[in-house]
Amino acid sequence: MPHADERKRVLILCTGNSCRSQMAEGFVNDLLAERWKARSAGTRPAERVHPLAVRAMGEAGVDISSAVPEAVDRHLDRPWDLVVTVCDSAKEACPTFPRPVERLHVSFDDPAEAEGTEDEKMAVFRRVRDEIRDRLVEALRTRG
């Protein structure tokens, strides 16, 4: 296992940093911790992580209850190995980083836009959570 300082660093961006990017950060740090260290941020961060995102990740055995949305600006000067955008809006609004950095775009539906009963909304959060695990985590697994 590489020393913690030898892990690749990935910044995961979405608009609000309240659902998709937080779930992705949680999965990367849980499932790929030996090779990757993830942080997440938003182009327009929300006030809090969506409670249904916390619940959906908890069901998958990953605790993101202490996560706090952050602005991408505070991460621009850090040395990233990869920047991943998880929504089209963040891809369009992705700022310029001072250092060259590889980019990857893997878009997911915004579960915060789900309508209906709590159970119906939760079903959307679970679907997006599983898509993030299946698509984004696997994409990083093959890179690192």
C-alpha atoms as a PDB file:
ATOM      1  CA  MET A   1       0.000   0.000   0.000  1.00  0.00           C
ATOM      2  CA  PRO A   2       1.429   3.411  -0.953  1.00  0.00           C
ATOM      3  CA  HIS A   3       2.245   5.895   1.764  1.00  0.00           C
ATOM      4  CA  ALA A   4      -0.700   8.273   2.281  1.00  0.00           C
ATOM      5  CA  ASP A   5       1.288  11.127   0.705  1.00  0.00           C
ATOM      6  CA  GLU A   6       1.770   9.075  -2.470  1.00  0.00           C
ATOM      7  CA  ARG A   7      -1.927   8.738  -3.194  1.00  0.00           C
ATOM      8  CA  LYS A   8      -3.335  10.546  -6.194  1.00  0.00           C
ATOM      9  CA  ARG A   9      -5.451  13.590  -5.384  1.00  0.00           C
ATOM     10  CA  VAL A  10      -8.830  14.073  -7.040  1.00  0.00           C
ATOM     11  CA  LEU A  11     -11.150  17.065  -6.760  1.00  0.00           C
ATOM     12  CA  ILE A  12     -14.794  16.263  -7.521  1.00  0.00           C
ATOM     13  CA  LEU A  13     -16.928  19.198  -8.610  1.00  0.00           C
ATOM     14  CA  CYS A  14     -20.624  19.837  -8.975  1.00  0.00           C
ATOM     15  CA  THR A  15     -22.730  22.934  -8.606  1.00  0.00           C
ATOM     16  CA  GLY A  16     -23.985  22.797  -5.018  1.00  0.00           C
ATOM     17  CA  ASN A  17     -21.548  20.285  -3.500  1.00  0.00           C
ATOM     18  CA  SER A  18     -24.513  18.903  -1.569  1.00  0.00           C
ATOM     19  CA  CYS A  19     -25.304  15.568  -3.272  1.00  0.00           C
ATOM     20  CA  ARG A  20     -23.393  14.062  -6.202  1.00  0.00           C
ATOM     21  CA  SER A  21     -19.895  15.339  -5.446  1.00  0.00           C
ATOM     22  CA  GLN A  22     -20.284  14.561  -1.735  1.00  0.00           C
ATOM     23  CA  MET A  23     -21.409  11.001  -2.480  1.00  0.00           C
ATOM     24  CA  ALA A  24     -18.522  10.584  -4.932  1.00  0.00           C
ATOM     25  CA  GLU A  25     -16.003  11.909  -2.391  1.00  0.00           C
ATOM     26  CA  GLY A  26     -17.364   9.500   0.211  1.00  0.00           C
ATOM     27  CA  PHE A  27     -17.095   6.493  -2.094  1.00  0.00           C
ATOM     28  CA  VAL A  28     -13.590   7.337  -3.357  1.00  0.00           C
ATOM     29  CA  ASN A  29     -12.259   7.855   0.162  1.00  0.00           C
ATOM     30  CA  ASP A  30     -13.924   4.638   1.332  1.00  0.00           C
ATOM     31  CA  LEU A  31     -13.409   2.259  -1.603  1.00  0.00           C
ATOM     32  CA  LEU A  32     -10.202   3.597  -3.164  1.00  0.00           C
ATOM     33  CA  ALA A  33      -8.407   5.018  -0.113  1.00  0.00           C
ATOM     34  CA  GLU A  34      -5.245   3.053  -0.818  1.00  0.00           C
ATOM     35  CA  ARG A  35      -4.656   4.919  -4.109  1.00  0.00           C
ATOM     36  CA  TRP A  36      -6.816   8.083  -4.094  1.00  0.00           C
ATOM     37  CA  LYS A  37      -7.587  10.969  -1.747  1.00  0.00           C
ATOM     38  CA  ALA A  38     -10.747  12.819  -2.737  1.00  0.00           C
ATOM     39  CA  ARG A  39     -12.125  16.238  -1.883  1.00  0.00           C
ATOM     40  CA  SER A  40     -15.248  17.786  -3.293  1.00  0.00           C
ATOM     41  CA  ALA A  41     -16.389  21.321  -3.955  1.00  0.00           C
ATOM     42  CA  GLY A  42     -19.071  23.312  -5.709  1.00  0.00           C
ATOM     43  CA  THR A  43     -19.193  26.183  -8.141  1.00  0.00           C
ATOM     44  CA  ARG A  44     -22.096  27.591  -6.089  1.00  0.00           C
ATOM     45  CA  PRO A  45     -22.003  25.647  -2.789  1.00  0.00           C
ATOM     46  CA  ALA A  46     -25.206  24.924  -0.905  1.00  0.00           C
ATOM     47  CA  GLU A  47     -25.613  25.630   2.797  1.00  0.00           C
ATOM     48  CA  ARG A  48     -25.525  21.952   3.776  1.00  0.00           C
ATOM     49  CA  VAL A  49     -25.191  18.444   2.458  1.00  0.00           C
ATOM     50  CA  HIS A  50     -28.604  17.112   1.450  1.00  0.00           C
ATOM     51  CA  PRO A  51     -29.991  14.886   4.232  1.00  0.00           C
ATOM     52  CA  LEU A  52     -31.146  12.243   1.731  1.00  0.00           C
ATOM     53  CA  ALA A  53     -27.592  12.046   0.336  1.00  0.00           C
ATOM     54  CA  VAL A  54     -26.344  11.416   3.878  1.00  0.00           C
ATOM     55  CA  ARG A  55     -29.029   8.750   4.348  1.00  0.00           C
ATOM     56  CA  ALA A  56     -28.365   7.053   0.988  1.00  0.00           C
ATOM     57  CA  MET A  57     -24.627   6.868   1.671  1.00  0.00           C
ATOM     58  CA  GLY A  58     -25.257   5.604   5.192  1.00  0.00           C
ATOM     59  CA  GLU A  59     -27.241   2.734   3.681  1.00  0.00           C
ATOM     60  CA  ALA A  60     -24.151   1.927   1.592  1.00  0.00           C
ATOM     61  CA  GLY A  61     -21.952   1.947   4.702  1.00  0.00           C
ATOM     62  CA  VAL A  62     -20.295   5.334   4.069  1.00  0.00           C
ATOM     63  CA  ASP A  63     -20.740   8.152   6.597  1.00  0.00           C
ATOM     64  CA  ILE A  64     -20.800  11.639   5.041  1.00  0.00           C
ATOM     65  CA  SER A  65     -22.802  13.212   7.874  1.00  0.00           C
ATOM     66  CA  SER A  66     -19.992  15.574   8.853  1.00  0.00           C
ATOM     67  CA  ALA A  67     -19.350  16.806   5.297  1.00  0.00           C
ATOM     68  CA  VAL A  68     -19.747  20.518   4.553  1.00  0.00           C
ATOM     69  CA  PRO A  69     -20.184  22.069   1.082  1.00  0.00           C
ATOM     70  CA  GLU A  70     -17.145  24.091   0.017  1.00  0.00           C
ATOM     71  CA  ALA A  71     -16.426  26.549  -2.787  1.00  0.00           C
ATOM     72  CA  VAL A  72     -14.103  25.391  -5.551  1.00  0.00           C
ATOM     73  CA  ASP A  73     -12.122  28.636  -5.238  1.00  0.00           C
ATOM     74  CA  ARG A  74     -10.489  27.457  -2.021  1.00  0.00           C
ATOM     75  CA  HIS A  75      -9.017  24.454  -3.852  1.00  0.00           C
ATOM     76  CA  LEU A  76      -7.647  26.068  -7.018  1.00  0.00           C
ATOM     77  CA  ASP A  77      -4.032  26.373  -5.900  1.00  0.00           C
ATOM     78  CA  ARG A  78      -3.696  22.808  -4.639  1.00  0.00           C
ATOM     79  CA  PRO A  79      -1.798  20.193  -6.682  1.00  0.00           C
ATOM     80  CA  TRP A  80      -4.544  17.937  -8.086  1.00  0.00           C
ATOM     81  CA  ASP A  81      -3.871  14.861 -10.191  1.00  0.00           C
ATOM     82  CA  LEU A  82      -7.405  14.882 -11.556  1.00  0.00           C
ATOM     83  CA  VAL A  83     -10.479  17.132 -11.537  1.00  0.00           C
ATOM     84  CA  VAL A  84     -13.796  15.320 -12.065  1.00  0.00           C
ATOM     85  CA  THR A  85     -16.998  17.185 -12.891  1.00  0.00           C
ATOM     86  CA  VAL A  86     -20.172  15.261 -12.084  1.00  0.00           C
ATOM     87  CA  CYS A  87     -22.731  17.635 -13.606  1.00  0.00           C
ATOM     88  CA  ASP A  88     -22.905  19.544 -16.883  1.00  0.00           C
ATOM     89  CA  SER A  89     -23.298  22.875 -15.101  1.00  0.00           C
ATOM     90  CA  ALA A  90     -20.061  22.394 -13.147  1.00  0.00           C
ATOM     91  CA  LYS A  91     -18.277  21.352 -16.339  1.00  0.00           C
ATOM     92  CA  GLU A  92     -19.319  24.623 -17.980  1.00  0.00           C
ATOM     93  CA  ALA A  93     -18.459  26.712 -14.898  1.00  0.00           C
ATOM     94  CA  CYS A  94     -15.259  24.862 -14.009  1.00  0.00           C
ATOM     95  CA  PRO A  95     -12.620  27.476 -13.245  1.00  0.00           C
ATOM     96  CA  THR A  96      -9.114  27.536 -14.624  1.00  0.00           C
ATOM     97  CA  PHE A  97      -6.585  25.904 -12.328  1.00  0.00           C
ATOM     98  CA  PRO A  98      -3.135  27.523 -12.062  1.00  0.00           C
ATOM     99  CA  ARG A  99      -1.405  24.163 -12.608  1.00  0.00           C
ATOM    100  CA  PRO A 100      -2.120  21.832 -15.516  1.00  0.00           C
ATOM    101  CA  VAL A 101      -4.530  19.125 -14.400  1.00  0.00           C
ATOM    102  CA  GLU A 102      -6.242  16.245 -16.144  1.00  0.00           C
ATOM    103  CA  ARG A 103     -10.030  16.545 -16.317  1.00  0.00           C
ATOM    104  CA  LEU A 104     -12.731  13.911 -16.450  1.00  0.00           C
ATOM    105  CA  HIS A 105     -16.456  14.523 -16.922  1.00  0.00           C
ATOM    106  CA  VAL A 106     -18.914  11.887 -15.661  1.00  0.00           C
ATOM    107  CA  SER A 107     -22.394  13.387 -15.455  1.00  0.00           C
ATOM    108  CA  PHE A 108     -25.176  12.220 -13.144  1.00  0.00           C
ATOM    109  CA  ASP A 109     -28.776  13.334 -12.622  1.00  0.00           C
ATOM    110  CA  ASP A 110     -29.269  15.759  -9.732  1.00  0.00           C
ATOM    111  CA  PRO A 111     -31.149  13.790  -7.065  1.00  0.00           C
ATOM    112  CA  ALA A 112     -32.010  17.041  -5.262  1.00  0.00           C
ATOM    113  CA  GLU A 113     -34.412  17.768  -8.134  1.00  0.00           C
ATOM    114  CA  ALA A 114     -36.395  14.578  -7.486  1.00  0.00           C
ATOM    115  CA  GLU A 115     -40.085  15.111  -6.835  1.00  0.00           C
ATOM    116  CA  GLY A 116     -42.723  13.066  -5.078  1.00  0.00           C
ATOM    117  CA  THR A 117     -42.947  11.412  -1.709  1.00  0.00           C
ATOM    118  CA  GLU A 118     -39.925  10.927   0.525  1.00  0.00           C
ATOM    119  CA  ASP A 119     -39.751   7.278  -0.619  1.00  0.00           C
ATOM    120  CA  GLU A 120     -39.822   8.339  -4.280  1.00  0.00           C
ATOM    121  CA  LYS A 121     -37.089  10.925  -3.694  1.00  0.00           C
ATOM    122  CA  MET A 122     -35.036   8.385  -1.765  1.00  0.00           C
ATOM    123  CA  ALA A 123     -35.266   5.971  -4.709  1.00  0.00           C
ATOM    124  CA  VAL A 124     -33.654   8.625  -6.937  1.00  0.00           C
ATOM    125  CA  PHE A 125     -30.877   9.256  -4.395  1.00  0.00           C
ATOM    126  CA  ARG A 126     -30.196   5.501  -4.225  1.00  0.00           C
ATOM    127  CA  ARG A 127     -30.097   5.207  -8.029  1.00  0.00           C
ATOM    128  CA  VAL A 128     -27.675   8.126  -8.400  1.00  0.00           C
ATOM    129  CA  ARG A 129     -25.559   6.809  -5.497  1.00  0.00           C
ATOM    130  CA  ASP A 130     -25.277   3.425  -7.194  1.00  0.00           C
ATOM    131  CA  GLU A 131     -24.462   5.028 -10.568  1.00  0.00           C
ATOM    132  CA  ILE A 132     -21.676   7.044  -8.927  1.00  0.00           C
ATOM    133  CA  ARG A 133     -20.248   3.887  -7.380  1.00  0.00           C
ATOM    134  CA  ASP A 134     -20.579   1.913 -10.612  1.00  0.00           C
ATOM    135  CA  ARG A 135     -19.323   4.554 -13.072  1.00  0.00           C
ATOM    136  CA  LEU A 136     -17.107   7.101 -11.315  1.00  0.00           C
ATOM    137  CA  VAL A 137     -15.446   4.832  -8.771  1.00  0.00           C
ATOM    138  CA  GLU A 138     -14.746   2.283 -11.512  1.00  0.00           C
ATOM    139  CA  ALA A 139     -13.293   5.003 -13.762  1.00  0.00           C
ATOM    140  CA  LEU A 140     -10.865   5.973 -11.001  1.00  0.00           C
ATOM    141  CA  ARG A 141     -10.101   2.351 -10.146  1.00  0.00           C
ATOM    142  CA  THR A 142      -8.796   1.825 -13.700  1.00  0.00           C
ATOM    143  CA  ARG A 143      -6.718   5.050 -13.568  1.00  0.00           C
ATOM    144  CA  GLY A 144      -4.932   4.565 -10.301  1.00  0.00           C
END
